[in-house]
Amino acid sequence: MFHEDEDSLTTGTRVAQRIREVSAERGCEVEVFCFGPAQRRLGDPDATGAGAVYNRQVDELIADGVPVGACVNAARADGTEAELLRRGLRLEVARDEFVRFALEGATVVTF
């Protein structure tokens, strides 16, 4: 998740939820990584509308066992590190995660 427009936020997390629904039977895994503008929306405690839906869907993904990550450097810069960790997000260096995705041959869908 990168973009913060309403459609990207709500559709991107919903697509991840839908993939998770069939991932076991299809023999695949789903993972979400939030960075840039979309990550900043995770730190909005007063989110309404699409921002609230996005945050709820991220929390639901985590509750369903989907790994959801975010950039640790951005979280520290924004002062949201503790809150994101409390919610269950995995904080990693974005650069390292992108390299991992490439090395694993992951199919990356971006929103």
C-alpha atoms as a PDB file:
ATOM      1  CA  MET A   1       0.000   0.000   0.000  1.00  0.00           C
ATOM      2  CA  PHE A   2       1.486   3.318  -1.033  1.00  0.00           C
ATOM      3  CA  HIS A   3      -1.179   5.729  -2.235  1.00  0.00           C
ATOM      4  CA  GLU A   4      -3.555   7.466   0.136  1.00  0.00           C
ATOM      5  CA  ASP A   5      -6.447   8.219  -2.164  1.00  0.00           C
ATOM      6  CA  GLU A   6      -9.692   6.736  -0.901  1.00  0.00           C
ATOM      7  CA  ASP A   7     -10.026   4.089  -3.593  1.00  0.00           C
ATOM      8  CA  SER A   8      -6.469   2.826  -3.160  1.00  0.00           C
ATOM      9  CA  LEU A   9      -6.802   2.613   0.619  1.00  0.00           C
ATOM     10  CA  THR A  10     -10.077   0.739   0.722  1.00  0.00           C
ATOM     11  CA  THR A  11      -9.662  -1.381  -2.403  1.00  0.00           C
ATOM     12  CA  GLY A  12      -6.062  -2.393  -1.740  1.00  0.00           C
ATOM     13  CA  THR A  13      -6.799  -3.743   1.711  1.00  0.00           C
ATOM     14  CA  ARG A  14     -10.025  -5.371   0.505  1.00  0.00           C
ATOM     15  CA  VAL A  15      -8.167  -7.147  -2.303  1.00  0.00           C
ATOM     16  CA  ALA A  16      -5.715  -8.505   0.284  1.00  0.00           C
ATOM     17  CA  GLN A  17      -8.656  -9.756   2.363  1.00  0.00           C
ATOM     18  CA  ARG A  18     -10.182 -11.482  -0.664  1.00  0.00           C
ATOM     19  CA  ILE A  19      -6.886 -13.146  -1.607  1.00  0.00           C
ATOM     20  CA  ARG A  20      -6.489 -14.357   1.968  1.00  0.00           C
ATOM     21  CA  GLU A  21      -9.890 -16.049   1.716  1.00  0.00           C
ATOM     22  CA  VAL A  22      -8.576 -18.429  -0.970  1.00  0.00           C
ATOM     23  CA  SER A  23      -4.836 -18.434  -0.253  1.00  0.00           C
ATOM     24  CA  ALA A  24      -4.731 -21.794   1.538  1.00  0.00           C
ATOM     25  CA  GLU A  25      -6.641 -23.664  -1.152  1.00  0.00           C
ATOM     26  CA  ARG A  26      -4.635 -21.961  -3.898  1.00  0.00           C
ATOM     27  CA  GLY A  27      -1.291 -22.647  -2.217  1.00  0.00           C
ATOM     28  CA  CYS A  28      -0.182 -19.046  -1.912  1.00  0.00           C
ATOM     29  CA  GLU A  29       0.509 -16.554   0.814  1.00  0.00           C
ATOM     30  CA  VAL A  30      -0.558 -12.958   1.140  1.00  0.00           C
ATOM     31  CA  GLU A  31       1.334 -10.184   2.855  1.00  0.00           C
ATOM     32  CA  VAL A  32       0.734  -6.436   3.005  1.00  0.00           C
ATOM     33  CA  PHE A  33       3.361  -3.734   3.285  1.00  0.00           C
ATOM     34  CA  CYS A  34       2.357  -0.112   3.904  1.00  0.00           C
ATOM     35  CA  PHE A  35       4.658   2.813   3.230  1.00  0.00           C
ATOM     36  CA  GLY A  36       4.620   6.406   2.054  1.00  0.00           C
ATOM     37  CA  PRO A  37       1.305   8.248   2.198  1.00  0.00           C
ATOM     38  CA  ALA A  38      -0.669   5.078   3.014  1.00  0.00           C
ATOM     39  CA  GLN A  39       1.524   4.450   6.050  1.00  0.00           C
ATOM     40  CA  ARG A  40       0.863   7.946   7.360  1.00  0.00           C
ATOM     41  CA  ARG A  41      -2.865   7.158   7.239  1.00  0.00           C
ATOM     42  CA  LEU A  42      -2.246   4.271   9.676  1.00  0.00           C
ATOM     43  CA  GLY A  43      -1.211   6.801  12.289  1.00  0.00           C
ATOM     44  CA  ASP A  44      -4.415   8.851  12.139  1.00  0.00           C
ATOM     45  CA  PRO A  45      -6.302   8.169  15.398  1.00  0.00           C
ATOM     46  CA  ASP A  46      -9.254  10.273  14.232  1.00  0.00           C
ATOM     47  CA  ALA A  47      -9.650   8.667  10.816  1.00  0.00           C
ATOM     48  CA  THR A  48     -13.089   8.850   9.253  1.00  0.00           C
ATOM     49  CA  GLY A  49     -14.497   7.642   5.961  1.00  0.00           C
ATOM     50  CA  ALA A  50     -12.003   5.760   3.791  1.00  0.00           C
ATOM     51  CA  GLY A  51      -9.245   6.227   6.383  1.00  0.00           C
ATOM     52  CA  ALA A  52     -11.341   4.502   9.027  1.00  0.00           C
ATOM     53  CA  VAL A  53     -12.227   1.660   6.637  1.00  0.00           C
ATOM     54  CA  TYR A  54      -8.541   1.268   5.744  1.00  0.00           C
ATOM     55  CA  ASN A  55      -7.453   1.112   9.375  1.00  0.00           C
ATOM     56  CA  ARG A  56     -10.230  -1.356  10.227  1.00  0.00           C
ATOM     57  CA  GLN A  57      -9.329  -3.587   7.279  1.00  0.00           C
ATOM     58  CA  VAL A  58      -5.626  -3.501   8.220  1.00  0.00           C
ATOM     59  CA  ASP A  59      -6.529  -4.559  11.761  1.00  0.00           C
ATOM     60  CA  GLU A  60      -8.759  -7.331  10.389  1.00  0.00           C
ATOM     61  CA  LEU A  61      -5.933  -8.612   8.169  1.00  0.00           C
ATOM     62  CA  ILE A  62      -3.622  -8.744  11.180  1.00  0.00           C
ATOM     63  CA  ALA A  63      -6.295 -10.523  13.239  1.00  0.00           C
ATOM     64  CA  ASP A  64      -6.659 -13.074  10.424  1.00  0.00           C
ATOM     65  CA  GLY A  65      -2.931 -13.802  10.561  1.00  0.00           C
ATOM     66  CA  VAL A  66      -1.862 -11.852   7.486  1.00  0.00           C
ATOM     67  CA  PRO A  67       1.558 -10.270   7.987  1.00  0.00           C
ATOM     68  CA  VAL A  68       1.185  -6.507   7.654  1.00  0.00           C
ATOM     69  CA  GLY A  69       4.349  -4.469   7.626  1.00  0.00           C
ATOM     70  CA  ALA A  70       5.298  -0.837   7.519  1.00  0.00           C
ATOM     71  CA  CYS A  71       8.504   1.157   7.207  1.00  0.00           C
ATOM     72  CA  VAL A  72      10.257   1.436  10.562  1.00  0.00           C
ATOM     73  CA  ASN A  73      12.140   4.591   9.562  1.00  0.00           C
ATOM     74  CA  ALA A  74       8.956   6.386   8.569  1.00  0.00           C
ATOM     75  CA  ALA A  75       7.211   5.219  11.756  1.00  0.00           C
ATOM     76  CA  ARG A  76      10.033   6.623  13.854  1.00  0.00           C
ATOM     77  CA  ALA A  77      10.019   9.897  11.937  1.00  0.00           C
ATOM     78  CA  ASP A  78       6.235  10.216  12.329  1.00  0.00           C
ATOM     79  CA  GLY A  79       6.264   9.187  16.002  1.00  0.00           C
ATOM     80  CA  THR A  80       3.958   6.222  15.330  1.00  0.00           C
ATOM     81  CA  GLU A  81       6.352   3.327  15.988  1.00  0.00           C
ATOM     82  CA  ALA A  82       4.885   2.296  19.354  1.00  0.00           C
ATOM     83  CA  GLU A  83       1.276   2.526  18.144  1.00  0.00           C
ATOM     84  CA  LEU A  84       1.907   0.511  14.983  1.00  0.00           C
ATOM     85  CA  LEU A  85       3.722  -2.173  16.964  1.00  0.00           C
ATOM     86  CA  ARG A  86       0.842  -2.257  19.465  1.00  0.00           C
ATOM     87  CA  ARG A  87      -1.570  -2.872  16.597  1.00  0.00           C
ATOM     88  CA  GLY A  88       0.533  -5.793  15.408  1.00  0.00           C
ATOM     89  CA  LEU A  89       2.262  -4.337  12.372  1.00  0.00           C
ATOM     90  CA  ARG A  90       5.755  -5.585  11.624  1.00  0.00           C
ATOM     91  CA  LEU A  91       8.142  -2.674  11.255  1.00  0.00           C
ATOM     92  CA  GLU A  92      10.958  -3.239   8.785  1.00  0.00           C
ATOM     93  CA  VAL A  93      13.275  -1.186   6.610  1.00  0.00           C
ATOM     94  CA  ALA A  94      11.260  -0.741   3.404  1.00  0.00           C
ATOM     95  CA  ARG A  95      14.322  -1.156   1.186  1.00  0.00           C
ATOM     96  CA  ASP A  96      15.066  -4.548   2.733  1.00  0.00           C
ATOM     97  CA  GLU A  97      11.494  -5.722   2.324  1.00  0.00           C
ATOM     98  CA  PHE A  98      11.463  -4.768  -1.358  1.00  0.00           C
ATOM     99  CA  VAL A  99      14.678  -6.712  -1.906  1.00  0.00           C
ATOM    100  CA  ARG A 100      13.163  -9.708  -0.083  1.00  0.00           C
ATOM    101  CA  PHE A 101      10.073  -9.596  -2.289  1.00  0.00           C
ATOM    102  CA  ALA A 102      12.294  -9.609  -5.381  1.00  0.00           C
ATOM    103  CA  LEU A 103      14.487 -12.448  -4.124  1.00  0.00           C
ATOM    104  CA  GLU A 104      11.437 -14.530  -3.226  1.00  0.00           C
ATOM    105  CA  GLY A 105       9.967 -13.968  -6.681  1.00  0.00           C
ATOM    106  CA  ALA A 106       6.835 -12.495  -5.140  1.00  0.00           C
ATOM    107  CA  THR A 107       4.042 -11.127  -7.247  1.00  0.00           C
ATOM    108  CA  VAL A 108       3.573  -7.572  -6.047  1.00  0.00           C
ATOM    109  CA  VAL A 109       0.260  -5.800  -6.505  1.00  0.00           C
ATOM    110  CA  THR A 110       0.349  -2.133  -5.600  1.00  0.00           C
ATOM    111  CA  PHE A 111      -2.329   0.336  -4.636  1.00  0.00           C
END
